[in-house]
Amino acid sequence: MDLATAPLFGLMRERMAWLAQRQRVLAENIANADTPRFRPRDIAPFAPASDQTTARTSVALNLTNAGHIAPAGGEAEGAAEEKTRTVYEATPTGNAVVLEEQMAKVNETAIAHRLAAQVYRKYLGLVRMAASAKG
């Protein structure tokens, strides 16, 4: 078994690369907190490139009874739409970086990175255990 081509390892590699890119963008936002007219940026939410992975994780909600509660979007598919946030807080120089918000995003990304690394380690441990099993 080639671990480099295993679906979970590929997904973890994509996720870790996305998290690293997001940390880089957030660090740029924080570094430019005093730059006039700077607008904070973020990257698009993580979406695996593998069609195989997205096919397994897509779920559609069905309303089988008129008494069931409809999804928040009002659609039975439950499609999430990305909302653009209007910046309300800006300095007199036009800088719109809110350090508290950026630090919260950095912390959220660090937690997600730690979780992805733990899942990677556990999966690797299971593979090692299976490889060393006598049978």
Protein backbone atom coordinates (compact mmCIF):
# COMPACT_ATOMS: atom_id res chain seq x y z
CA MET A 1 0.00 0.00 0.00
CA ASP A 2 1.40 3.34 -1.06
CA LEU A 3 0.61 5.77 1.76
CA ALA A 4 1.31 8.80 -0.43
CA THR A 5 -1.75 7.95 -2.53
CA ALA A 6 -4.05 7.01 0.36
CA PRO A 7 -7.18 9.21 0.29
CA LEU A 8 -6.90 10.36 3.90
CA PHE A 9 -3.24 11.32 3.55
CA GLY A 10 -4.02 13.31 0.39
CA LEU A 11 -6.90 15.08 2.13
CA MET A 12 -4.72 15.86 5.15
CA ARG A 13 -1.99 17.24 2.88
CA GLU A 14 -4.54 19.53 1.16
CA ARG A 15 -5.99 20.65 4.48
CA MET A 16 -2.57 21.39 6.00
CA ALA A 17 -1.57 23.39 2.90
CA TRP A 18 -4.83 25.37 3.09
CA LEU A 19 -4.28 26.08 6.80
CA ALA A 20 -0.70 27.21 6.16
CA GLN A 21 -1.89 29.57 3.40
CA ARG A 22 -4.60 30.98 5.68
CA GLN A 23 -2.07 31.60 8.47
CA ARG A 24 0.12 33.44 5.95
CA VAL A 25 -2.77 35.70 4.85
CA LEU A 26 -3.82 36.40 8.44
CA ALA A 27 -0.22 37.22 9.38
CA GLU A 28 -0.12 39.72 6.50
CA ASN A 29 -3.34 41.29 7.82
CA ILE A 30 -1.84 41.67 11.30
CA ALA A 31 1.45 42.98 9.92
CA ASN A 32 -0.42 45.66 7.98
CA ALA A 33 -2.57 46.77 10.93
CA ASP A 34 -1.06 50.27 10.71
CA THR A 35 -0.95 50.58 6.92
CA PRO A 36 -3.29 53.32 5.63
CA ARG A 37 -6.28 52.12 3.55
CA PHE A 38 -5.37 48.44 4.07
CA ARG A 39 -8.31 46.02 3.95
CA PRO A 40 -7.98 42.63 5.65
CA ARG A 41 -8.16 39.57 3.41
CA ASP A 42 -9.04 35.93 3.93
CA ILE A 43 -9.01 32.91 1.67
CA ALA A 44 -11.97 30.88 0.46
CA PRO A 45 -13.20 28.12 2.78
CA PHE A 46 -11.46 24.76 2.47
CA ALA A 47 -12.83 22.62 -0.33
CA PRO A 48 -11.04 19.36 -1.11
CA ALA A 49 -9.86 19.10 -4.71
CA SER A 50 -10.66 15.40 -4.83
CA ASP A 51 -14.02 14.66 -6.45
CA GLN A 52 -14.03 11.35 -4.62
CA THR A 53 -13.94 13.06 -1.23
CA THR A 54 -16.65 15.62 -2.03
CA ALA A 55 -18.92 12.93 -3.43
CA ARG A 56 -18.76 11.04 -0.14
CA THR A 57 -19.37 14.07 2.06
CA SER A 58 -22.20 15.80 0.20
CA VAL A 59 -25.54 15.38 1.91
CA ALA A 60 -28.93 16.59 0.75
CA LEU A 61 -31.77 17.09 3.18
CA ASN A 62 -35.20 15.77 2.27
CA LEU A 63 -38.42 17.06 3.77
CA THR A 64 -40.56 13.95 4.08
CA ASN A 65 -43.29 15.57 6.11
CA ALA A 66 -44.83 19.04 5.89
CA GLY A 67 -44.29 19.40 9.66
CA HIS A 68 -40.49 19.11 9.36
CA ILE A 69 -38.43 22.24 9.87
CA ALA A 70 -36.83 23.52 6.66
CA PRO A 71 -33.05 24.19 6.59
CA ALA A 72 -31.88 27.69 7.49
CA GLY A 73 -31.34 28.65 3.83
CA GLY A 74 -34.91 27.69 2.97
CA GLU A 75 -33.66 25.12 0.46
CA ALA A 76 -33.88 21.39 0.94
CA GLU A 77 -30.35 20.98 -0.43
CA GLY A 78 -28.89 23.03 2.42
CA ALA A 79 -26.42 24.79 0.12
CA ALA A 80 -24.23 27.18 2.06
CA GLU A 81 -23.54 30.56 0.56
CA GLU A 82 -20.60 32.71 1.45
CA LYS A 83 -21.51 36.16 2.70
CA THR A 84 -19.34 39.17 2.11
CA ARG A 85 -18.76 41.10 5.30
CA THR A 86 -18.97 44.88 5.20
CA VAL A 87 -16.27 46.56 7.23
CA TYR A 88 -17.83 48.95 9.76
CA GLU A 89 -14.82 49.59 11.91
CA ALA A 90 -11.99 51.55 10.32
CA THR A 91 -9.34 53.94 11.56
CA PRO A 92 -9.19 57.56 10.36
CA THR A 93 -6.50 56.48 7.87
CA GLY A 94 -8.91 53.96 6.33
CA ASN A 95 -7.30 50.84 7.76
CA ALA A 96 -9.96 48.20 8.44
CA VAL A 97 -7.92 45.56 10.30
CA VAL A 98 -9.52 44.63 13.63
CA LEU A 99 -6.71 42.96 15.55
CA GLU A 100 -9.03 41.06 17.90
CA GLU A 101 -10.86 39.55 14.94
CA GLN A 102 -7.63 38.61 13.17
CA MET A 103 -6.19 37.03 16.32
CA ALA A 104 -9.38 35.00 16.78
CA LYS A 105 -9.02 33.72 13.20
CA VAL A 106 -5.34 32.90 13.81
CA ASN A 107 -6.29 30.94 16.92
CA GLU A 108 -9.08 29.12 15.06
CA THR A 109 -6.64 28.18 12.30
CA ALA A 110 -4.02 27.01 14.80
CA ILE A 111 -6.58 24.76 16.50
CA ALA A 112 -7.63 23.31 13.13
CA HIS A 113 -3.97 22.71 12.27
CA ARG A 114 -3.39 20.89 15.57
CA LEU A 115 -6.49 18.75 14.96
CA ALA A 116 -5.38 17.85 11.43
CA ALA A 117 -1.91 16.91 12.70
CA GLN A 118 -3.42 14.71 15.43
CA VAL A 119 -5.69 12.92 12.96
CA TYR A 120 -2.69 12.40 10.66
CA ARG A 121 -0.62 10.96 13.54
CA LYS A 122 -3.42 8.64 14.69
CA TYR A 123 -4.05 7.36 11.18
CA LEU A 124 -0.33 6.75 10.68
CA GLY A 125 -0.28 4.88 14.01
CA LEU A 126 -3.15 2.65 12.85
CA VAL A 127 -1.32 1.90 9.60
CA ARG A 128 1.83 1.02 11.53
CA MET A 129 -0.14 -1.20 13.88
CA ALA A 130 -1.79 -2.99 10.97
CA ALA A 131 1.56 -3.44 9.22
CA SER A 132 3.21 -4.90 12.33
CA ALA A 133 0.32 -7.26 13.18
CA LYS A 134 1.21 -10.89 12.87
CA GLY A 135 -1.32 -12.94 11.19
